[in-house]
């Protein structure tokens, strides 16, 4: 984890491994201070706080959750007394997708030899993901702390004359997707609508809405973008990710029309230059999303997490690449 200054008032904490749960956080050190996203477990959240304390002496008065996923909200409990801001959908969605007890149970099960052996027969992808998470994360002690200030489409903060715009753009990656724009300093905190140097994955929403969101980010003309995962970037970040998503959707359409399954399509579609990104086998999720759209399924159709991680595992095995999430 490293601290980067991205403008006069904006800072980012980046998780360099850039795998699942390796989320980034932000700080705007104006007025009472604003933290953007709070990490995946208490240890990482405390490390983030320690890094931000180098440039901001006290705990911030405000926290923004860019969306509902666990890796962006599981440090909320360390910011006692702070105003926590998010899109109106986020509190209920957090209860559905960020229940810490489920992840605690998973990691405890993967740690245990007997339960791990049994689980691996049924869901090898879940075991592989759990073993990867155990290298860096411990979900014990996490309590779900929900946002307290909710908004619908836009929300604005004025930090001693520095305007901060919260813009709802979801659903792209998740229902509550929000980007944070600091116009004066030409910075965007993009949350998980932008992945950088790692394969994106989305749990709800549509390709078209994701394209509109990436176009919006470029229209804001930021000098620096803090992605939800991956290194800092400029305008090349959303442009490259949109190109990737367009490529995957087009190739998926060809496979769909041939009548092959989304899993087989993910085994066949060439990674191209995107094979250098982390976790390229996540391609399966983007192919499956395209197939759902071709079948006219609703954008909020649920995913089976075990089946999804098993499919990513199978794609990686079939293609002879490292199994990572």
C-alpha atoms as a PDB file:
ATOM      1  CA  UNK A   1       0.000   0.000   0.000  1.00  0.00           C
ATOM      2  CA  UNK A   2       1.388   3.424  -0.928  1.00  0.00           C
ATOM      3  CA  UNK A   3       0.367   7.053  -0.586  1.00  0.00           C
ATOM      4  CA  UNK A   4       0.328   9.299  -3.670  1.00  0.00           C
ATOM      5  CA  UNK A   5      -0.391  13.012  -3.903  1.00  0.00           C
ATOM      6  CA  UNK A   6      -2.479  13.637  -7.016  1.00  0.00           C
ATOM      7  CA  UNK A   7      -3.185  17.382  -6.710  1.00  0.00           C
ATOM      8  CA  UNK A   8      -2.878  20.222  -4.188  1.00  0.00           C
ATOM      9  CA  UNK A   9      -5.586  18.799  -1.928  1.00  0.00           C
ATOM     10  CA  UNK A  10      -6.165  15.260  -3.200  1.00  0.00           C
ATOM     11  CA  UNK A  11      -4.313  12.104  -2.196  1.00  0.00           C
ATOM     12  CA  UNK A  12      -4.728   8.413  -2.969  1.00  0.00           C
ATOM     13  CA  UNK A  13      -3.812   5.205  -1.181  1.00  0.00           C
ATOM     14  CA  UNK A  14      -3.132   2.474  -3.740  1.00  0.00           C
ATOM     15  CA  UNK A  15      -2.966  -1.288  -3.225  1.00  0.00           C
ATOM     16  CA  UNK A  16      -0.221  -2.374  -5.600  1.00  0.00           C
ATOM     17  CA  UNK A  17      -1.100  -6.069  -5.967  1.00  0.00           C
ATOM     18  CA  UNK A  18      -4.224  -5.013  -7.898  1.00  0.00           C
ATOM     19  CA  UNK A  19      -6.231  -8.192  -7.327  1.00  0.00           C
ATOM     20  CA  UNK A  20      -9.690  -8.736  -5.849  1.00  0.00           C
ATOM     21  CA  UNK A  21     -10.177  -6.667  -2.658  1.00  0.00           C
ATOM     22  CA  UNK A  22      -7.071  -4.570  -3.447  1.00  0.00           C
ATOM     23  CA  UNK A  23      -9.129  -1.391  -3.610  1.00  0.00           C
ATOM     24  CA  UNK A  24      -7.885   2.194  -3.648  1.00  0.00           C
ATOM     25  CA  UNK A  25      -8.948   5.005  -1.315  1.00  0.00           C
ATOM     26  CA  UNK A  26      -8.830   8.780  -1.537  1.00  0.00           C
ATOM     27  CA  UNK A  27      -8.422  11.808   0.710  1.00  0.00           C
ATOM     28  CA  UNK A  28      -9.379  15.424   0.114  1.00  0.00           C
ATOM     29  CA  UNK A  29      -7.606  17.371   2.857  1.00  0.00           C
ATOM     30  CA  UNK A  30      -9.776  20.440   2.908  1.00  0.00           C
ATOM     31  CA  UNK A  31     -12.159  21.673   5.613  1.00  0.00           C
ATOM     32  CA  UNK A  32     -12.809  18.743   7.965  1.00  0.00           C
ATOM     33  CA  UNK A  33     -11.292  16.223   5.566  1.00  0.00           C
ATOM     34  CA  UNK A  34     -13.011  13.704   3.297  1.00  0.00           C
ATOM     35  CA  UNK A  35     -12.010  10.056   2.888  1.00  0.00           C
ATOM     36  CA  UNK A  36     -13.226   8.168  -0.180  1.00  0.00           C
ATOM     37  CA  UNK A  37     -13.715   4.418   0.406  1.00  0.00           C
ATOM     38  CA  UNK A  38     -12.429   2.640   3.481  1.00  0.00           C
ATOM     39  CA  UNK A  39     -10.667  -0.583   2.374  1.00  0.00           C
ATOM     40  CA  UNK A  40     -11.397  -4.310   2.641  1.00  0.00           C
ATOM     41  CA  UNK A  41     -10.557  -5.146   6.249  1.00  0.00           C
ATOM     42  CA  UNK A  42      -9.623  -3.430   9.484  1.00  0.00           C
ATOM     43  CA  UNK A  43      -5.877  -3.905   9.095  1.00  0.00           C
ATOM     44  CA  UNK A  44      -5.848  -2.284   5.653  1.00  0.00           C
ATOM     45  CA  UNK A  45      -8.153   0.489   6.869  1.00  0.00           C
ATOM     46  CA  UNK A  46      -5.806   1.247   9.758  1.00  0.00           C
ATOM     47  CA  UNK A  47      -2.841   1.271   7.386  1.00  0.00           C
ATOM     48  CA  UNK A  48      -4.726   3.674   5.125  1.00  0.00           C
ATOM     49  CA  UNK A  49      -5.462   5.951   8.092  1.00  0.00           C
ATOM     50  CA  UNK A  50      -1.780   5.886   9.088  1.00  0.00           C
ATOM     51  CA  UNK A  51      -0.718   6.878   5.575  1.00  0.00           C
ATOM     52  CA  UNK A  52      -3.264   9.672   5.334  1.00  0.00           C
ATOM     53  CA  UNK A  53      -2.201  10.936   8.784  1.00  0.00           C
ATOM     54  CA  UNK A  54       1.103  11.974   7.191  1.00  0.00           C
ATOM     55  CA  UNK A  55      -0.767  14.758   5.395  1.00  0.00           C
ATOM     56  CA  UNK A  56      -3.887  15.171   7.566  1.00  0.00           C
ATOM     57  CA  UNK A  57      -3.549  15.329  11.341  1.00  0.00           C
ATOM     58  CA  UNK A  58      -7.005  14.215  12.505  1.00  0.00           C
ATOM     59  CA  UNK A  59      -9.782  11.811  11.567  1.00  0.00           C
ATOM     60  CA  UNK A  60     -11.952  13.136   8.728  1.00  0.00           C
ATOM     61  CA  UNK A  61     -15.407  14.459   9.370  1.00  0.00           C
ATOM     62  CA  UNK A  62     -16.758  12.920   6.176  1.00  0.00           C
ATOM     63  CA  UNK A  63     -16.519   9.544   4.395  1.00  0.00           C
ATOM     64  CA  UNK A  64     -17.819   8.779   0.898  1.00  0.00           C
ATOM     65  CA  UNK A  65     -18.579   5.217  -0.199  1.00  0.00           C
ATOM     66  CA  UNK A  66     -18.428   5.037  -4.005  1.00  0.00           C
ATOM     67  CA  UNK A  67     -20.631   1.917  -3.995  1.00  0.00           C
ATOM     68  CA  UNK A  68     -21.735  -1.020  -1.889  1.00  0.00           C
ATOM     69  CA  UNK A  69     -18.986  -3.608  -2.338  1.00  0.00           C
ATOM     70  CA  UNK A  70     -17.199  -4.903   0.748  1.00  0.00           C
ATOM     71  CA  UNK A  71     -13.725  -3.833  -0.349  1.00  0.00           C
ATOM     72  CA  UNK A  72     -14.842  -0.201  -0.333  1.00  0.00           C
ATOM     73  CA  UNK A  73     -16.890  -0.102   2.891  1.00  0.00           C
ATOM     74  CA  UNK A  74     -15.462  -2.561   5.439  1.00  0.00           C
ATOM     75  CA  UNK A  75     -13.354   0.074   7.144  1.00  0.00           C
ATOM     76  CA  UNK A  76     -16.342   2.340   7.828  1.00  0.00           C
ATOM     77  CA  UNK A  77     -16.494   1.342  11.487  1.00  0.00           C
ATOM     78  CA  UNK A  78     -13.138   3.010  12.194  1.00  0.00           C
ATOM     79  CA  UNK A  79     -14.554   6.441  11.331  1.00  0.00           C
ATOM     80  CA  UNK A  80     -16.790   6.856  14.353  1.00  0.00           C
ATOM     81  CA  UNK A  81     -18.784  10.071  14.295  1.00  0.00           C
ATOM     82  CA  UNK A  82     -18.053  10.800  10.636  1.00  0.00           C
ATOM     83  CA  UNK A  83     -20.817  11.591   8.190  1.00  0.00           C
ATOM     84  CA  UNK A  84     -20.890   8.720   5.668  1.00  0.00           C
ATOM     85  CA  UNK A  85     -22.281   9.675   2.263  1.00  0.00           C
ATOM     86  CA  UNK A  86     -23.434   7.349  -0.535  1.00  0.00           C
ATOM     87  CA  UNK A  87     -26.116   6.857  -3.144  1.00  0.00           C
ATOM     88  CA  UNK A  88     -29.553   6.068  -1.752  1.00  0.00           C
ATOM     89  CA  UNK A  89     -29.364   2.450  -2.892  1.00  0.00           C
ATOM     90  CA  UNK A  90     -26.161   1.653  -1.005  1.00  0.00           C
ATOM     91  CA  UNK A  91     -27.341   0.831   2.553  1.00  0.00           C
ATOM     92  CA  UNK A  92     -29.753  -1.911   1.492  1.00  0.00           C
ATOM     93  CA  UNK A  93     -27.334  -3.193  -1.114  1.00  0.00           C
ATOM     94  CA  UNK A  94     -24.563  -3.397   1.485  1.00  0.00           C
ATOM     95  CA  UNK A  95     -26.773  -5.695   3.540  1.00  0.00           C
ATOM     96  CA  UNK A  96     -27.147  -7.944   0.484  1.00  0.00           C
ATOM     97  CA  UNK A  97     -23.613  -8.047  -0.944  1.00  0.00           C
ATOM     98  CA  UNK A  98     -21.268  -6.960   1.874  1.00  0.00           C
ATOM     99  CA  UNK A  99     -22.296  -9.209   4.745  1.00  0.00           C
ATOM    100  CA  UNK A 100     -18.988  -9.792   6.581  1.00  0.00           C
ATOM    101  CA  UNK A 101     -20.207 -13.032   8.161  1.00  0.00           C
ATOM    102  CA  UNK A 102     -20.295 -14.786   4.793  1.00  0.00           C
ATOM    103  CA  UNK A 103     -16.695 -13.872   3.981  1.00  0.00           C
ATOM    104  CA  UNK A 104     -15.549 -14.702   7.497  1.00  0.00           C
ATOM    105  CA  UNK A 105     -17.131 -18.138   7.138  1.00  0.00           C
ATOM    106  CA  UNK A 106     -15.450 -18.636   3.757  1.00  0.00           C
ATOM    107  CA  UNK A 107     -11.938 -17.825   4.988  1.00  0.00           C
ATOM    108  CA  UNK A 108     -12.339 -19.929   8.117  1.00  0.00           C
ATOM    109  CA  UNK A 109     -13.520 -22.814   5.946  1.00  0.00           C
ATOM    110  CA  UNK A 110     -10.610 -22.478   3.545  1.00  0.00           C
ATOM    111  CA  UNK A 111      -8.150 -22.398   6.460  1.00  0.00           C
ATOM    112  CA  UNK A 112      -9.448 -25.739   7.745  1.00  0.00           C
ATOM    113  CA  UNK A 113      -7.942 -28.721   5.901  1.00  0.00           C
ATOM    114  CA  UNK A 114     -11.024 -30.943   6.040  1.00  0.00           C
ATOM    115  CA  UNK A 115     -13.566 -28.327   4.992  1.00  0.00           C
ATOM    116  CA  UNK A 116     -11.172 -26.993   2.327  1.00  0.00           C
ATOM    117  CA  UNK A 117     -10.767 -30.480   0.848  1.00  0.00           C
ATOM    118  CA  UNK A 118     -14.528 -31.034   0.681  1.00  0.00           C
ATOM    119  CA  UNK A 119     -15.220 -27.544  -0.698  1.00  0.00           C
ATOM    120  CA  UNK A 120     -12.545 -27.880  -3.376  1.00  0.00           C
ATOM    121  CA  UNK A 121     -14.375 -30.844  -4.889  1.00  0.00           C
ATOM    122  CA  UNK A 122     -17.563 -28.815  -5.276  1.00  0.00           C
ATOM    123  CA  UNK A 123     -16.249 -25.274  -5.826  1.00  0.00           C
ATOM    124  CA  UNK A 124     -12.528 -25.171  -6.693  1.00  0.00           C
ATOM    125  CA  UNK A 125     -12.800 -21.534  -7.712  1.00  0.00           C
ATOM    126  CA  UNK A 126     -14.085 -20.467  -4.318  1.00  0.00           C
ATOM    127  CA  UNK A 127     -11.212 -22.296  -2.612  1.00  0.00           C
ATOM    128  CA  UNK A 128      -8.669 -20.668  -4.940  1.00  0.00           C
ATOM    129  CA  UNK A 129     -10.151 -17.232  -4.297  1.00  0.00           C
ATOM    130  CA  UNK A 130     -10.201 -17.859  -0.548  1.00  0.00           C
ATOM    131  CA  UNK A 131      -6.575 -18.975  -0.527  1.00  0.00           C
ATOM    132  CA  UNK A 132      -5.595 -15.840  -2.429  1.00  0.00           C
ATOM    133  CA  UNK A 133      -7.480 -13.631   0.034  1.00  0.00           C
ATOM    134  CA  UNK A 134      -5.828 -15.355   3.003  1.00  0.00           C
ATOM    135  CA  UNK A 135      -2.465 -14.098   1.772  1.00  0.00           C
ATOM    136  CA  UNK A 136      -3.431 -10.511   2.623  1.00  0.00           C
ATOM    137  CA  UNK A 137      -6.790 -10.253   4.378  1.00  0.00           C
ATOM    138  CA  UNK A 138      -8.516 -11.085   7.642  1.00  0.00           C
ATOM    139  CA  UNK A 139     -12.219 -10.288   7.797  1.00  0.00           C
ATOM    140  CA  UNK A 140     -12.629 -11.001  11.513  1.00  0.00           C
ATOM    141  CA  UNK A 141     -14.033  -8.178  13.622  1.00  0.00           C
ATOM    142  CA  UNK A 142     -15.690  -6.327  10.742  1.00  0.00           C
ATOM    143  CA  UNK A 143     -19.058  -4.779  11.500  1.00  0.00           C
ATOM    144  CA  UNK A 144     -21.270  -3.372   8.767  1.00  0.00           C
ATOM    145  CA  UNK A 145     -21.603   0.392   9.237  1.00  0.00           C
ATOM    146  CA  UNK A 146     -24.047   1.919   6.777  1.00  0.00           C
ATOM    147  CA  UNK A 147     -24.000   5.365   5.147  1.00  0.00           C
ATOM    148  CA  UNK A 148     -25.914   8.055   7.015  1.00  0.00           C
ATOM    149  CA  UNK A 149     -26.354  10.721   4.315  1.00  0.00           C
ATOM    150  CA  UNK A 150     -28.001   9.559   1.090  1.00  0.00           C
ATOM    151  CA  UNK A 151     -28.552  11.248  -2.265  1.00  0.00           C
ATOM    152  CA  UNK A 152     -30.263  10.456  -5.566  1.00  0.00           C
ATOM    153  CA  UNK A 153     -28.451  11.921  -8.570  1.00  0.00           C
ATOM    154  CA  UNK A 154     -25.956  14.551  -7.364  1.00  0.00           C
ATOM    155  CA  UNK A 155     -24.554  15.810  -4.082  1.00  0.00           C
ATOM    156  CA  UNK A 156     -22.161  18.699  -3.556  1.00  0.00           C
ATOM    157  CA  UNK A 157     -19.698  19.532  -0.817  1.00  0.00           C
ATOM    158  CA  UNK A 158     -17.951  22.852  -0.352  1.00  0.00           C
ATOM    159  CA  UNK A 159     -14.640  22.363   1.433  1.00  0.00           C
ATOM    160  CA  UNK A 160     -13.394  25.856   2.261  1.00  0.00           C
ATOM    161  CA  UNK A 161     -14.124  26.988  -1.290  1.00  0.00           C
ATOM    162  CA  UNK A 162     -13.151  23.739  -3.024  1.00  0.00           C
ATOM    163  CA  UNK A 163     -16.222  22.186  -4.614  1.00  0.00           C
ATOM    164  CA  UNK A 164     -16.597  18.420  -4.616  1.00  0.00           C
ATOM    165  CA  UNK A 165     -19.274  16.901  -6.850  1.00  0.00           C
ATOM    166  CA  UNK A 166     -20.698  13.436  -6.200  1.00  0.00           C
ATOM    167  CA  UNK A 167     -22.306  12.143  -9.403  1.00  0.00           C
ATOM    168  CA  UNK A 168     -24.425   9.004  -9.483  1.00  0.00           C
ATOM    169  CA  UNK A 169     -23.598   6.936 -12.583  1.00  0.00           C
ATOM    170  CA  UNK A 170     -24.872   3.453 -11.709  1.00  0.00           C
ATOM    171  CA  UNK A 171     -25.520   0.772 -12.290  1.00  0.00           C
ATOM    172  CA  UNK A 172     -22.262  -0.003 -14.114  1.00  0.00           C
ATOM    173  CA  UNK A 173     -20.185  -2.193 -11.834  1.00  0.00           C
ATOM    174  CA  UNK A 174     -22.695  -2.100  -8.978  1.00  0.00           C
ATOM    175  CA  UNK A 175     -26.027  -0.426  -8.250  1.00  0.00           C
ATOM    176  CA  UNK A 176     -24.672   2.465  -6.209  1.00  0.00           C
ATOM    177  CA  UNK A 177     -21.801   3.545  -8.479  1.00  0.00           C
ATOM    178  CA  UNK A 178     -20.771   7.128  -7.784  1.00  0.00           C
ATOM    179  CA  UNK A 179     -17.831   9.161  -9.096  1.00  0.00           C
ATOM    180  CA  UNK A 180     -16.340  12.092  -7.193  1.00  0.00           C
ATOM    181  CA  UNK A 181     -15.185  15.104  -9.208  1.00  0.00           C
ATOM    182  CA  UNK A 182     -12.999  17.884  -7.840  1.00  0.00           C
ATOM    183  CA  UNK A 183     -13.226  20.384 -10.748  1.00  0.00           C
ATOM    184  CA  UNK A 184     -10.826  22.985  -9.394  1.00  0.00           C
ATOM    185  CA  UNK A 185      -8.040  20.411  -9.154  1.00  0.00           C
ATOM    186  CA  UNK A 186      -9.067  18.339 -12.199  1.00  0.00           C
ATOM    187  CA  UNK A 187      -9.291  15.092 -10.236  1.00  0.00           C
ATOM    188  CA  UNK A 188     -11.845  12.272 -10.479  1.00  0.00           C
ATOM    189  CA  UNK A 189     -12.156   9.482  -7.942  1.00  0.00           C
ATOM    190  CA  UNK A 190     -13.851   6.860 -10.111  1.00  0.00           C
ATOM    191  CA  UNK A 191     -14.556   3.972  -7.765  1.00  0.00           C
ATOM    192  CA  UNK A 192     -15.091   0.681  -9.550  1.00  0.00           C
ATOM    193  CA  UNK A 193     -16.493   2.112 -12.744  1.00  0.00           C
ATOM    194  CA  UNK A 194     -12.802   2.220 -13.673  1.00  0.00           C
ATOM    195  CA  UNK A 195     -10.302  -0.621 -13.316  1.00  0.00           C
ATOM    196  CA  UNK A 196      -6.727   0.097 -14.365  1.00  0.00           C
ATOM    197  CA  UNK A 197      -4.252  -2.588 -15.471  1.00  0.00           C
ATOM    198  CA  UNK A 198      -6.579  -5.303 -14.176  1.00  0.00           C
ATOM    199  CA  UNK A 199      -9.581  -6.926 -15.842  1.00  0.00           C
ATOM    200  CA  UNK A 200     -12.841  -5.177 -14.940  1.00  0.00           C
ATOM    201  CA  UNK A 201     -15.864  -7.031 -13.667  1.00  0.00           C
ATOM    202  CA  UNK A 202     -19.401  -5.847 -13.134  1.00  0.00           C
ATOM    203  CA  UNK A 203     -22.142  -7.400 -11.034  1.00  0.00           C
ATOM    204  CA  UNK A 204     -25.087  -5.372 -12.272  1.00  0.00           C
ATOM    205  CA  UNK A 205     -25.875  -2.831 -14.973  1.00  0.00           C
ATOM    206  CA  UNK A 206     -25.343  -2.770 -18.719  1.00  0.00           C
ATOM    207  CA  UNK A 207     -22.587  -2.226 -21.247  1.00  0.00           C
ATOM    208  CA  UNK A 208     -24.297   0.897 -22.582  1.00  0.00           C
ATOM    209  CA  UNK A 209     -24.526   2.500 -19.171  1.00  0.00           C
ATOM    210  CA  UNK A 210     -20.882   1.674 -18.476  1.00  0.00           C
ATOM    211  CA  UNK A 211     -19.918   3.264 -21.809  1.00  0.00           C
ATOM    212  CA  UNK A 212     -21.884   6.399 -20.913  1.00  0.00           C
ATOM    213  CA  UNK A 213     -20.131   6.605 -17.572  1.00  0.00           C
ATOM    214  CA  UNK A 214     -16.657   6.251 -19.088  1.00  0.00           C
ATOM    215  CA  UNK A 215     -17.569   8.908 -21.662  1.00  0.00           C
ATOM    216  CA  UNK A 216     -18.719  11.195 -18.846  1.00  0.00           C
ATOM    217  CA  UNK A 217     -15.376  10.835 -17.092  1.00  0.00           C
ATOM    218  CA  UNK A 218     -13.539  11.895 -20.256  1.00  0.00           C
ATOM    219  CA  UNK A 219     -15.941  14.828 -20.709  1.00  0.00           C
ATOM    220  CA  UNK A 220     -15.017  16.048 -17.223  1.00  0.00           C
ATOM    221  CA  UNK A 221     -11.461  16.388 -18.578  1.00  0.00           C
ATOM    222  CA  UNK A 222      -9.565  15.318 -15.462  1.00  0.00           C
ATOM    223  CA  UNK A 223      -5.812  15.505 -15.274  1.00  0.00           C
ATOM    224  CA  UNK A 224      -5.658  12.634 -12.779  1.00  0.00           C
ATOM    225  CA  UNK A 225      -8.093   9.761 -12.230  1.00  0.00           C
ATOM    226  CA  UNK A 226      -8.005   7.516  -9.177  1.00  0.00           C
ATOM    227  CA  UNK A 227      -9.437   4.180 -10.303  1.00  0.00           C
ATOM    228  CA  UNK A 228     -11.194   1.848  -7.900  1.00  0.00           C
ATOM    229  CA  UNK A 229      -8.427  -0.663  -8.562  1.00  0.00           C
ATOM    230  CA  UNK A 230      -5.032  -0.164 -10.137  1.00  0.00           C
ATOM    231  CA  UNK A 231      -2.552   2.680 -10.637  1.00  0.00           C
ATOM    232  CA  UNK A 232      -3.325   6.343 -11.200  1.00  0.00           C
ATOM    233  CA  UNK A 233      -4.066   7.381 -14.758  1.00  0.00           C
ATOM    234  CA  UNK A 234      -5.206  10.185 -16.985  1.00  0.00           C
ATOM    235  CA  UNK A 235      -7.682  10.182 -19.844  1.00  0.00           C
ATOM    236  CA  UNK A 236      -6.100   7.033 -21.242  1.00  0.00           C
ATOM    237  CA  UNK A 237      -7.670   5.017 -18.431  1.00  0.00           C
ATOM    238  CA  UNK A 238     -11.373   5.299 -19.333  1.00  0.00           C
ATOM    239  CA  UNK A 239     -10.573   5.288 -23.061  1.00  0.00           C
ATOM    240  CA  UNK A 240      -8.631   2.030 -22.826  1.00  0.00           C
ATOM    241  CA  UNK A 241     -11.210   0.359 -20.606  1.00  0.00           C
ATOM    242  CA  UNK A 242     -14.042   1.324 -22.940  1.00  0.00           C
ATOM    243  CA  UNK A 243     -12.065  -0.119 -25.860  1.00  0.00           C
ATOM    244  CA  UNK A 244     -11.644  -3.364 -23.907  1.00  0.00           C
ATOM    245  CA  UNK A 245     -15.357  -3.625 -23.096  1.00  0.00           C
ATOM    246  CA  UNK A 246     -16.321  -2.886 -26.705  1.00  0.00           C
ATOM    247  CA  UNK A 247     -13.918  -5.596 -27.896  1.00  0.00           C
ATOM    248  CA  UNK A 248     -15.304  -8.168 -25.455  1.00  0.00           C
ATOM    249  CA  UNK A 249     -18.919  -7.376 -26.326  1.00  0.00           C
ATOM    250  CA  UNK A 250     -18.232  -7.638 -30.070  1.00  0.00           C
ATOM    251  CA  UNK A 251     -16.355 -10.933 -29.747  1.00  0.00           C
ATOM    252  CA  UNK A 252     -19.032 -12.285 -27.419  1.00  0.00           C
ATOM    253  CA  UNK A 253     -21.697 -11.479 -29.997  1.00  0.00           C
ATOM    254  CA  UNK A 254     -19.915 -13.639 -32.568  1.00  0.00           C
ATOM    255  CA  UNK A 255     -19.721 -16.544 -30.135  1.00  0.00           C
ATOM    256  CA  UNK A 256     -23.326 -16.111 -29.046  1.00  0.00           C
ATOM    257  CA  UNK A 257     -24.506 -16.246 -32.655  1.00  0.00           C
ATOM    258  CA  UNK A 258     -22.507 -19.446 -33.121  1.00  0.00           C
ATOM    259  CA  UNK A 259     -24.444 -20.990 -30.252  1.00  0.00           C
ATOM    260  CA  UNK A 260     -21.521 -21.656 -27.903  1.00  0.00           C
ATOM    261  CA  UNK A 261     -21.776 -21.059 -24.168  1.00  0.00           C
ATOM    262  CA  UNK A 262     -20.395 -18.001 -22.412  1.00  0.00           C
ATOM    263  CA  UNK A 263     -17.867 -20.222 -20.619  1.00  0.00           C
ATOM    264  CA  UNK A 264     -16.596 -21.709 -23.869  1.00  0.00           C
ATOM    265  CA  UNK A 265     -16.528 -18.246 -25.409  1.00  0.00           C
ATOM    266  CA  UNK A 266     -14.355 -16.999 -22.539  1.00  0.00           C
ATOM    267  CA  UNK A 267     -11.968 -19.873 -23.208  1.00  0.00           C
ATOM    268  CA  UNK A 268     -11.781 -18.946 -26.880  1.00  0.00           C
ATOM    269  CA  UNK A 269     -11.772 -15.146 -27.121  1.00  0.00           C
ATOM    270  CA  UNK A 270      -8.212 -13.852 -27.440  1.00  0.00           C
ATOM    271  CA  UNK A 271      -6.953 -11.716 -24.590  1.00  0.00           C
ATOM    272  CA  UNK A 272      -4.948  -9.584 -26.985  1.00  0.00           C
ATOM    273  CA  UNK A 273      -3.007  -6.777 -25.276  1.00  0.00           C
ATOM    274  CA  UNK A 274      -5.284  -7.124 -22.243  1.00  0.00           C
ATOM    275  CA  UNK A 275      -3.663 -10.436 -21.346  1.00  0.00           C
ATOM    276  CA  UNK A 276      -1.020  -8.390 -19.516  1.00  0.00           C
ATOM    277  CA  UNK A 277      -3.637  -7.072 -17.092  1.00  0.00           C
ATOM    278  CA  UNK A 278      -4.075  -8.766 -13.726  1.00  0.00           C
ATOM    279  CA  UNK A 279      -6.667 -11.560 -13.561  1.00  0.00           C
ATOM    280  CA  UNK A 280      -7.364 -11.851 -17.306  1.00  0.00           C
ATOM    281  CA  UNK A 281      -9.669 -14.838 -16.740  1.00  0.00           C
ATOM    282  CA  UNK A 282     -12.222 -12.419 -15.278  1.00  0.00           C
ATOM    283  CA  UNK A 283     -13.020 -12.105 -18.969  1.00  0.00           C
ATOM    284  CA  UNK A 284     -15.706 -14.702 -18.240  1.00  0.00           C
ATOM    285  CA  UNK A 285     -17.807 -12.181 -16.286  1.00  0.00           C
ATOM    286  CA  UNK A 286     -17.736  -9.682 -19.133  1.00  0.00           C
ATOM    287  CA  UNK A 287     -18.673 -12.350 -21.666  1.00  0.00           C
ATOM    288  CA  UNK A 288     -21.501 -13.595 -19.460  1.00  0.00           C
ATOM    289  CA  UNK A 289     -22.769 -10.029 -19.023  1.00  0.00           C
ATOM    290  CA  UNK A 290     -22.862  -9.638 -22.806  1.00  0.00           C
ATOM    291  CA  UNK A 291     -24.710 -12.959 -23.168  1.00  0.00           C
ATOM    292  CA  UNK A 292     -27.288 -11.824 -20.628  1.00  0.00           C
ATOM    293  CA  UNK A 293     -27.926  -8.719 -22.667  1.00  0.00           C
ATOM    294  CA  UNK A 294     -28.213 -10.755 -25.875  1.00  0.00           C
ATOM    295  CA  UNK A 295     -30.792 -12.943 -24.087  1.00  0.00           C
ATOM    296  CA  UNK A 296     -32.652  -9.792 -22.942  1.00  0.00           C
ATOM    297  CA  UNK A 297     -32.164 -10.652 -19.285  1.00  0.00           C
ATOM    298  CA  UNK A 298     -32.609  -7.777 -16.800  1.00  0.00           C
ATOM    299  CA  UNK A 299     -29.405  -5.934 -15.846  1.00  0.00           C
ATOM    300  CA  UNK A 300     -29.930  -6.802 -12.180  1.00  0.00           C
ATOM    301  CA  UNK A 301     -30.252 -10.561 -12.749  1.00  0.00           C
ATOM    302  CA  UNK A 302     -28.432 -12.191  -9.816  1.00  0.00           C
ATOM    303  CA  UNK A 303     -25.068 -13.931 -10.056  1.00  0.00           C
ATOM    304  CA  UNK A 304     -24.042 -17.065  -8.219  1.00  0.00           C
ATOM    305  CA  UNK A 305     -20.696 -16.121  -6.682  1.00  0.00           C
ATOM    306  CA  UNK A 306     -19.483 -19.751  -6.333  1.00  0.00           C
ATOM    307  CA  UNK A 307     -20.434 -20.565  -9.940  1.00  0.00           C
ATOM    308  CA  UNK A 308     -18.821 -17.351 -11.194  1.00  0.00           C
ATOM    309  CA  UNK A 309     -15.535 -17.950  -9.396  1.00  0.00           C
ATOM    310  CA  UNK A 310     -15.565 -21.577 -10.554  1.00  0.00           C
ATOM    311  CA  UNK A 311     -15.976 -20.389 -14.147  1.00  0.00           C
ATOM    312  CA  UNK A 312     -13.049 -17.952 -13.821  1.00  0.00           C
ATOM    313  CA  UNK A 313     -10.994 -20.806 -12.373  1.00  0.00           C
ATOM    314  CA  UNK A 314     -11.943 -23.057 -15.307  1.00  0.00           C
ATOM    315  CA  UNK A 315     -11.055 -20.388 -17.871  1.00  0.00           C
ATOM    316  CA  UNK A 316      -7.634 -19.867 -16.302  1.00  0.00           C
ATOM    317  CA  UNK A 317      -6.969 -23.622 -16.191  1.00  0.00           C
ATOM    318  CA  UNK A 318      -8.082 -24.106 -19.790  1.00  0.00           C
ATOM    319  CA  UNK A 319      -5.849 -21.299 -21.006  1.00  0.00           C
ATOM    320  CA  UNK A 320      -2.826 -22.297 -18.955  1.00  0.00           C
ATOM    321  CA  UNK A 321      -2.531 -19.016 -17.086  1.00  0.00           C
ATOM    322  CA  UNK A 322      -2.173 -18.173 -13.409  1.00  0.00           C
ATOM    323  CA  UNK A 323      -5.358 -18.616 -11.394  1.00  0.00           C
ATOM    324  CA  UNK A 324      -6.004 -15.255  -9.796  1.00  0.00           C
ATOM    325  CA  UNK A 325      -8.960 -13.107  -8.981  1.00  0.00           C
END
